[in-house]
Amino acid sequence: MAKTHEDVMPEGNGILSSLGAAHEELLGRIVIEMLRAGMPVSRKSLFLKLAFLMNETEAPSETLLYEGIFRLLLNADRTH
């Protein structure tokens, strides 16, 4: 059986429990893209990637998704 983030992080703990489905899917796609490109995945590299994507997009709906993930990453330490 494949592990999911629920198996790794119990409900109500950490950043993944705060993500909506659209945010979680987008974050997953970004992380997979970074891994496939051989880039390190860290909070700093995610911030940089999100900032780049927010700057490149013209779609307001995408900008809101990126901003939501950005805010969650900024506040991740405060949720513990």
PDB file of N, CA and C in Angstrom:
ATOM      1  N   MET A   1       0.847  -1.176   0.000  1.00  0.00           N
ATOM      2  CA  MET A   1       0.000   0.000   0.000  1.00  0.00           C
ATOM      3  C   MET A   1       0.892   1.238   0.000  1.00  0.00           C
ATOM      4  N   ALA A   2       0.558   2.195  -0.832  1.00  0.00           N
ATOM      5  CA  ALA A   2       1.342   3.423  -0.934  1.00  0.00           C
ATOM      6  C   ALA A   2       1.065   4.330   0.248  1.00  0.00           C
ATOM      7  N   LYS A   3       2.127   4.953   0.741  1.00  0.00           N
ATOM      8  CA  LYS A   3       1.973   5.901   1.846  1.00  0.00           C
ATOM      9  C   LYS A   3       1.506   7.240   1.317  1.00  0.00           C
ATOM     10  N   THR A   4       0.678   7.891   2.077  1.00  0.00           N
ATOM     11  CA  THR A   4       0.229   9.238   1.745  1.00  0.00           C
ATOM     12  C   THR A   4       0.738  10.170   2.814  1.00  0.00           C
ATOM     13  N   HIS A   5       0.527  11.476   2.616  1.00  0.00           N
ATOM     14  CA  HIS A   5       0.971  12.421   3.633  1.00  0.00           C
ATOM     15  C   HIS A   5       0.230  12.213   4.945  1.00  0.00           C
ATOM     16  N   GLU A   6      -0.976  11.618   4.907  1.00  0.00           N
ATOM     17  CA  GLU A   6      -1.698  11.350   6.153  1.00  0.00           C
ATOM     18  C   GLU A   6      -0.980  10.294   6.990  1.00  0.00           C
ATOM     19  N   ASP A   7      -0.288   9.346   6.302  1.00  0.00           N
ATOM     20  CA  ASP A   7       0.464   8.319   7.022  1.00  0.00           C
ATOM     21  C   ASP A   7       1.694   8.900   7.695  1.00  0.00           C
ATOM     22  N   VAL A   8       2.269   9.922   7.077  1.00  0.00           N
ATOM     23  CA  VAL A   8       3.499  10.518   7.575  1.00  0.00           C
ATOM     24  C   VAL A   8       3.209  11.570   8.629  1.00  0.00           C
ATOM     25  N   MET A   9       2.201  12.403   8.396  1.00  0.00           N
ATOM     26  CA  MET A   9       1.856  13.484   9.315  1.00  0.00           C
ATOM     27  C   MET A   9       0.409  13.293   9.762  1.00  0.00           C
ATOM     28  N   PRO A  10       0.167  13.025  11.035  1.00  0.00           N
ATOM     29  CA  PRO A  10      -1.200  12.854  11.502  1.00  0.00           C
ATOM     30  C   PRO A  10      -2.055  14.082  11.240  1.00  0.00           C
ATOM     31  N   GLU A  11      -3.354  13.866  11.129  1.00  0.00           N
ATOM     32  CA  GLU A  11      -4.297  14.950  10.861  1.00  0.00           C
ATOM     33  C   GLU A  11      -4.145  16.070  11.880  1.00  0.00           C
ATOM     34  N   GLY A  12      -4.162  17.302  11.390  1.00  0.00           N
ATOM     35  CA  GLY A  12      -4.087  18.453  12.279  1.00  0.00           C
ATOM     36  C   GLY A  12      -2.682  18.921  12.586  1.00  0.00           C
ATOM     37  N   ASN A  13      -1.679  18.226  12.090  1.00  0.00           N
ATOM     38  CA  ASN A  13      -0.295  18.627  12.351  1.00  0.00           C
ATOM     39  C   ASN A  13       0.375  19.059  11.069  1.00  0.00           C
ATOM     40  N   GLY A  14       1.128  20.138  11.113  1.00  0.00           N
ATOM     41  CA  GLY A  14       1.962  20.539  10.011  1.00  0.00           C
ATOM     42  C   GLY A  14       1.239  21.266   8.913  1.00  0.00           C
ATOM     43  N   ILE A  15       2.010  21.562   7.899  1.00  0.00           N
ATOM     44  CA  ILE A  15       1.526  22.406   6.809  1.00  0.00           C
ATOM     45  C   ILE A  15       0.506  21.698   5.929  1.00  0.00           C
ATOM     46  N   LEU A  16       0.652  20.397   5.699  1.00  0.00           N
ATOM     47  CA  LEU A  16      -0.241  19.711   4.777  1.00  0.00           C
ATOM     48  C   LEU A  16      -1.683  19.701   5.253  1.00  0.00           C
ATOM     49  N   SER A  17      -1.898  19.689   6.566  1.00  0.00           N
ATOM     50  CA  SER A  17      -3.267  19.707   7.066  1.00  0.00           C
ATOM     51  C   SER A  17      -3.932  21.053   6.841  1.00  0.00           C
ATOM     52  N   SER A  18      -3.152  22.101   6.585  1.00  0.00           N
ATOM     53  CA  SER A  18      -3.680  23.441   6.357  1.00  0.00           C
ATOM     54  C   SER A  18      -3.939  23.718   4.881  1.00  0.00           C
ATOM     55  N   LEU A  19      -3.482  22.838   4.006  1.00  0.00           N
ATOM     56  CA  LEU A  19      -3.624  23.062   2.574  1.00  0.00           C
ATOM     57  C   LEU A  19      -4.971  22.597   2.068  1.00  0.00           C
ATOM     58  N   GLY A  20      -5.541  23.370   1.153  1.00  0.00           N
ATOM     59  CA  GLY A  20      -6.710  22.917   0.435  1.00  0.00           C
ATOM     60  C   GLY A  20      -6.260  21.967  -0.659  1.00  0.00           C
ATOM     61  N   ALA A  21      -7.189  21.279  -1.284  1.00  0.00           N
ATOM     62  CA  ALA A  21      -6.846  20.306  -2.314  1.00  0.00           C
ATOM     63  C   ALA A  21      -6.102  20.948  -3.483  1.00  0.00           C
ATOM     64  N   ALA A  22      -6.543  22.122  -3.914  1.00  0.00           N
ATOM     65  CA  ALA A  22      -5.881  22.795  -5.040  1.00  0.00           C
ATOM     66  C   ALA A  22      -4.463  23.206  -4.668  1.00  0.00           C
ATOM     67  N   HIS A  23      -4.282  23.715  -3.443  1.00  0.00           N
ATOM     68  CA  HIS A  23      -2.949  24.117  -2.987  1.00  0.00           C
ATOM     69  C   HIS A  23      -2.035  22.891  -2.881  1.00  0.00           C
ATOM     70  N   GLU A  24      -2.581  21.813  -2.324  1.00  0.00           N
ATOM     71  CA  GLU A  24      -1.784  20.605  -2.141  1.00  0.00           C
ATOM     72  C   GLU A  24      -1.357  20.028  -3.493  1.00  0.00           C
ATOM     73  N   GLU A  25      -2.274  20.017  -4.460  1.00  0.00           N
ATOM     74  CA  GLU A  25      -1.952  19.508  -5.789  1.00  0.00           C
ATOM     75  C   GLU A  25      -0.884  20.365  -6.461  1.00  0.00           C
ATOM     76  N   LEU A  26      -1.022  21.668  -6.382  1.00  0.00           N
ATOM     77  CA  LEU A  26      -0.052  22.577  -6.991  1.00  0.00           C
ATOM     78  C   LEU A  26       1.314  22.453  -6.326  1.00  0.00           C
ATOM     79  N   LEU A  27       1.342  22.395  -5.006  1.00  0.00           N
ATOM     80  CA  LEU A  27       2.612  22.232  -4.295  1.00  0.00           C
ATOM     81  C   LEU A  27       3.272  20.914  -4.698  1.00  0.00           C
ATOM     82  N   GLY A  28       2.489  19.864  -4.821  1.00  0.00           N
ATOM     83  CA  GLY A  28       3.022  18.570  -5.254  1.00  0.00           C
ATOM     84  C   GLY A  28       3.626  18.636  -6.641  1.00  0.00           C
ATOM     85  N   ARG A  29       2.940  19.319  -7.556  1.00  0.00           N
ATOM     86  CA  ARG A  29       3.466  19.470  -8.914  1.00  0.00           C
ATOM     87  C   ARG A  29       4.767  20.264  -8.922  1.00  0.00           C
ATOM     88  N   ILE A  30       4.825  21.299  -8.102  1.00  0.00           N
ATOM     89  CA  ILE A  30       6.039  22.124  -8.036  1.00  0.00           C
ATOM     90  C   ILE A  30       7.201  21.302  -7.485  1.00  0.00           C
ATOM     91  N   VAL A  31       6.960  20.553  -6.424  1.00  0.00           N
ATOM     92  CA  VAL A  31       8.019  19.731  -5.821  1.00  0.00           C
ATOM     93  C   VAL A  31       8.496  18.668  -6.803  1.00  0.00           C
ATOM     94  N   ILE A  32       7.564  18.005  -7.495  1.00  0.00           N
ATOM     95  CA  ILE A  32       7.947  16.981  -8.473  1.00  0.00           C
ATOM     96  C   ILE A  32       8.767  17.596  -9.598  1.00  0.00           C
ATOM     97  N   GLU A  33       8.351  18.756 -10.070  1.00  0.00           N
ATOM     98  CA  GLU A  33       9.091  19.451 -11.123  1.00  0.00           C
ATOM     99  C   GLU A  33      10.512  19.773 -10.664  1.00  0.00           C
ATOM    100  N   MET A  34      10.644  20.236  -9.429  1.00  0.00           N
ATOM    101  CA  MET A  34      11.967  20.570  -8.892  1.00  0.00           C
ATOM    102  C   MET A  34      12.837  19.320  -8.764  1.00  0.00           C
ATOM    103  N   LEU A  35      12.248  18.232  -8.272  1.00  0.00           N
ATOM    104  CA  LEU A  35      13.000  16.992  -8.121  1.00  0.00           C
ATOM    105  C   LEU A  35      13.455  16.450  -9.467  1.00  0.00           C
ATOM    106  N   ARG A  36      12.576  16.467 -10.448  1.00  0.00           N
ATOM    107  CA  ARG A  36      12.925  15.981 -11.790  1.00  0.00           C
ATOM    108  C   ARG A  36      14.021  16.819 -12.424  1.00  0.00           C
ATOM    109  N   ALA A  37      14.069  18.101 -12.077  1.00  0.00           N
ATOM    110  CA  ALA A  37      15.103  18.989 -12.610  1.00  0.00           C
ATOM    111  C   ALA A  37      16.407  18.870 -11.821  1.00  0.00           C
ATOM    112  N   GLY A  38      16.411  18.041 -10.785  1.00  0.00           N
ATOM    113  CA  GLY A  38      17.617  17.862  -9.971  1.00  0.00           C
ATOM    114  C   GLY A  38      17.860  18.991  -8.989  1.00  0.00           C
ATOM    115  N   MET A  39      16.834  19.787  -8.752  1.00  0.00           N
ATOM    116  CA  MET A  39      16.962  20.914  -7.816  1.00  0.00           C
ATOM    117  C   MET A  39      16.717  20.427  -6.392  1.00  0.00           C
ATOM    118  N   PRO A  40      17.383  21.047  -5.420  1.00  0.00           N
ATOM    119  CA  PRO A  40      17.090  20.701  -4.027  1.00  0.00           C
ATOM    120  C   PRO A  40      15.710  21.242  -3.649  1.00  0.00           C
ATOM    121  N   VAL A  41      15.025  20.517  -2.781  1.00  0.00           N
ATOM    122  CA  VAL A  41      13.719  20.971  -2.307  1.00  0.00           C
ATOM    123  C   VAL A  41      13.864  21.323  -0.831  1.00  0.00           C
ATOM    124  N   SER A  42      13.793  22.609  -0.566  1.00  0.00           N
ATOM    125  CA  SER A  42      13.853  23.110   0.798  1.00  0.00           C
ATOM    126  C   SER A  42      12.863  24.264   0.886  1.00  0.00           C
ATOM    127  N   ARG A  43      12.664  24.766   2.068  1.00  0.00           N
ATOM    128  CA  ARG A  43      11.754  25.896   2.210  1.00  0.00           C
ATOM    129  C   ARG A  43      12.248  27.081   1.365  1.00  0.00           C
ATOM    130  N   LYS A  44      13.546  27.328   1.420  1.00  0.00           N
ATOM    131  CA  LYS A  44      14.120  28.445   0.654  1.00  0.00           C
ATOM    132  C   LYS A  44      13.906  28.255  -0.843  1.00  0.00           C
ATOM    133  N   SER A  45      14.198  27.048  -1.355  1.00  0.00           N
ATOM    134  CA  SER A  45      14.037  26.825  -2.790  1.00  0.00           C
ATOM    135  C   SER A  45      12.566  26.881  -3.199  1.00  0.00           C
ATOM    136  N   LEU A  46      11.654  26.459  -2.314  1.00  0.00           N
ATOM    137  CA  LEU A  46      10.224  26.580  -2.608  1.00  0.00           C
ATOM    138  C   LEU A  46       9.797  28.041  -2.655  1.00  0.00           C
ATOM    139  N   PHE A  47      10.291  28.852  -1.716  1.00  0.00           N
ATOM    140  CA  PHE A  47       9.995  30.286  -1.742  1.00  0.00           C
ATOM    141  C   PHE A  47      10.455  30.904  -3.065  1.00  0.00           C
ATOM    142  N   LEU A  48      11.681  30.584  -3.463  1.00  0.00           N
ATOM    143  CA  LEU A  48      12.221  31.151  -4.701  1.00  0.00           C
ATOM    144  C   LEU A  48      11.406  30.711  -5.914  1.00  0.00           C
ATOM    145  N   LYS A  49      11.043  29.429  -5.957  1.00  0.00           N
ATOM    146  CA  LYS A  49      10.253  28.920  -7.075  1.00  0.00           C
ATOM    147  C   LYS A  49       8.874  29.571  -7.105  1.00  0.00           C
ATOM    148  N   LEU A  50       8.227  29.685  -5.941  1.00  0.00           N
ATOM    149  CA  LEU A  50       6.909  30.319  -5.874  1.00  0.00           C
ATOM    150  C   LEU A  50       6.988  31.786  -6.285  1.00  0.00           C
ATOM    151  N   ALA A  51       8.012  32.488  -5.829  1.00  0.00           N
ATOM    152  CA  ALA A  51       8.177  33.894  -6.205  1.00  0.00           C
ATOM    153  C   ALA A  51       8.349  34.027  -7.715  1.00  0.00           C
ATOM    154  N   PHE A  52       9.134  33.143  -8.296  1.00  0.00           N
ATOM    155  CA  PHE A  52       9.324  33.155  -9.744  1.00  0.00           C
ATOM    156  C   PHE A  52       8.006  32.893 -10.464  1.00  0.00           C
ATOM    157  N   LEU A  53       7.276  31.873 -10.024  1.00  0.00           N
ATOM    158  CA  LEU A  53       6.010  31.526 -10.667  1.00  0.00           C
ATOM    159  C   LEU A  53       4.978  32.640 -10.524  1.00  0.00           C
ATOM    160  N   MET A  54       4.928  33.269  -9.336  1.00  0.00           N
ATOM    161  CA  MET A  54       3.989  34.371  -9.133  1.00  0.00           C
ATOM    162  C   MET A  54       4.322  35.533 -10.060  1.00  0.00           C
ATOM    163  N   ASN A  55       5.596  35.773 -10.296  1.00  0.00           N
ATOM    164  CA  ASN A  55       6.027  36.851 -11.174  1.00  0.00           C
ATOM    165  C   ASN A  55       5.707  36.554 -12.643  1.00  0.00           C
ATOM    166  N   GLU A  56       5.756  35.277 -13.025  1.00  0.00           N
ATOM    167  CA  GLU A  56       5.573  34.882 -14.413  1.00  0.00           C
ATOM    168  C   GLU A  56       4.104  34.746 -14.824  1.00  0.00           C
ATOM    169  N   THR A  57       3.219  34.459 -13.892  1.00  0.00           N
ATOM    170  CA  THR A  57       1.830  34.205 -14.254  1.00  0.00           C
ATOM    171  C   THR A  57       1.047  35.498 -14.446  1.00  0.00           C
ATOM    172  N   GLU A  58       0.077  35.419 -15.331  1.00  0.00           N
ATOM    173  CA  GLU A  58      -0.825  36.544 -15.540  1.00  0.00           C
ATOM    174  C   GLU A  58      -2.231  36.197 -15.068  1.00  0.00           C
ATOM    175  N   ALA A  59      -2.442  34.938 -14.689  1.00  0.00           N
ATOM    176  CA  ALA A  59      -3.759  34.479 -14.263  1.00  0.00           C
ATOM    177  C   ALA A  59      -3.963  34.782 -12.778  1.00  0.00           C
ATOM    178  N   PRO A  60      -4.967  35.575 -12.446  1.00  0.00           N
ATOM    179  CA  PRO A  60      -5.218  35.903 -11.039  1.00  0.00           C
ATOM    180  C   PRO A  60      -5.482  34.671 -10.163  1.00  0.00           C
ATOM    181  N   SER A  61      -6.140  33.661 -10.714  1.00  0.00           N
ATOM    182  CA  SER A  61      -6.426  32.457  -9.925  1.00  0.00           C
ATOM    183  C   SER A  61      -5.141  31.722  -9.549  1.00  0.00           C
ATOM    184  N   GLU A  62      -4.176  31.667 -10.481  1.00  0.00           N
ATOM    185  CA  GLU A  62      -2.895  31.031 -10.173  1.00  0.00           C
ATOM    186  C   GLU A  62      -2.123  31.846  -9.149  1.00  0.00           C
ATOM    187  N   THR A  63      -2.155  33.149  -9.287  1.00  0.00           N
ATOM    188  CA  THR A  63      -1.468  34.021  -8.333  1.00  0.00           C
ATOM    189  C   THR A  63      -1.999  33.785  -6.924  1.00  0.00           C
ATOM    190  N   LEU A  64      -3.304  33.637  -6.790  1.00  0.00           N
ATOM    191  CA  LEU A  64      -3.898  33.385  -5.469  1.00  0.00           C
ATOM    192  C   LEU A  64      -3.442  32.044  -4.902  1.00  0.00           C
ATOM    193  N   LEU A  65      -3.335  31.032  -5.750  1.00  0.00           N
ATOM    194  CA  LEU A  65      -2.853  29.728  -5.276  1.00  0.00           C
ATOM    195  C   LEU A  65      -1.406  29.828  -4.801  1.00  0.00           C
ATOM    196  N   TYR A  66      -0.559  30.484  -5.589  1.00  0.00           N
ATOM    197  CA  TYR A  66       0.847  30.645  -5.199  1.00  0.00           C
ATOM    198  C   TYR A  66       0.960  31.437  -3.897  1.00  0.00           C
ATOM    199  N   GLU A  67       0.171  32.495  -3.780  1.00  0.00           N
ATOM    200  CA  GLU A  67       0.204  33.311  -2.563  1.00  0.00           C
ATOM    201  C   GLU A  67      -0.238  32.499  -1.352  1.00  0.00           C
ATOM    202  N   GLY A  68      -1.241  31.656  -1.531  1.00  0.00           N
ATOM    203  CA  GLY A  68      -1.711  30.818  -0.430  1.00  0.00           C
ATOM    204  C   GLY A  68      -0.636  29.861   0.060  1.00  0.00           C
ATOM    205  N   ILE A  69       0.062  29.225  -0.871  1.00  0.00           N
ATOM    206  CA  ILE A  69       1.146  28.313  -0.494  1.00  0.00           C
ATOM    207  C   ILE A  69       2.277  29.096   0.155  1.00  0.00           C
ATOM    208  N   PHE A  70       2.586  30.252  -0.384  1.00  0.00           N
ATOM    209  CA  PHE A  70       3.641  31.108   0.157  1.00  0.00           C
ATOM    210  C   PHE A  70       3.330  31.454   1.612  1.00  0.00           C
ATOM    211  N   ARG A  71       2.091  31.873   1.872  1.00  0.00           N
ATOM    212  CA  ARG A  71       1.690  32.218   3.252  1.00  0.00           C
ATOM    213  C   ARG A  71       1.786  31.020   4.186  1.00  0.00           C
ATOM    214  N   LEU A  72       1.354  29.858   3.709  1.00  0.00           N
ATOM    215  CA  LEU A  72       1.427  28.660   4.548  1.00  0.00           C
ATOM    216  C   LEU A  72       2.860  28.292   4.878  1.00  0.00           C
ATOM    217  N   LEU A  73       3.768  28.424   3.910  1.00  0.00           N
ATOM    218  CA  LEU A  73       5.175  28.137   4.178  1.00  0.00           C
ATOM    219  C   LEU A  73       5.758  29.141   5.173  1.00  0.00           C
ATOM    220  N   LEU A  74       5.354  30.406   5.057  1.00  0.00           N
ATOM    221  CA  LEU A  74       5.836  31.416   5.992  1.00  0.00           C
ATOM    222  C   LEU A  74       5.367  31.151   7.414  1.00  0.00           C
ATOM    223  N   ASN A  75       4.160  30.647   7.555  1.00  0.00           N
ATOM    224  CA  ASN A  75       3.562  30.438   8.875  1.00  0.00           C
ATOM    225  C   ASN A  75       3.722  29.011   9.391  1.00  0.00           C
ATOM    226  N   ALA A  76       4.446  28.156   8.685  1.00  0.00           N
ATOM    227  CA  ALA A  76       4.567  26.748   9.069  1.00  0.00           C
ATOM    228  C   ALA A  76       5.154  26.577  10.457  1.00  0.00           C
ATOM    229  N   ASP A  77       6.138  27.382  10.831  1.00  0.00           N
ATOM    230  CA  ASP A  77       6.757  27.259  12.159  1.00  0.00           C
ATOM    231  C   ASP A  77       5.808  27.674  13.257  1.00  0.00           C
ATOM    232  N   ARG A  78       4.892  28.545  12.963  1.00  0.00           N
ATOM    233  CA  ARG A  78       3.958  29.047  13.971  1.00  0.00           C
ATOM    234  C   ARG A  78       2.829  28.085  14.283  1.00  0.00           C
ATOM    235  N   THR A  79       2.651  27.030  13.454  1.00  0.00           N
ATOM    236  CA  THR A  79       1.556  26.089  13.665  1.00  0.00           C
ATOM    237  C   THR A  79       1.905  24.971  14.625  1.00  0.00           C
ATOM    238  N   HIS A  80       3.150  24.902  15.045  1.00  0.00           N
ATOM    239  CA  HIS A  80       3.555  23.818  15.969  1.00  0.00           C
ATOM    240  C   HIS A  80       3.187  24.152  17.383  1.00  0.00           C
TER     241      HIS A  80
END
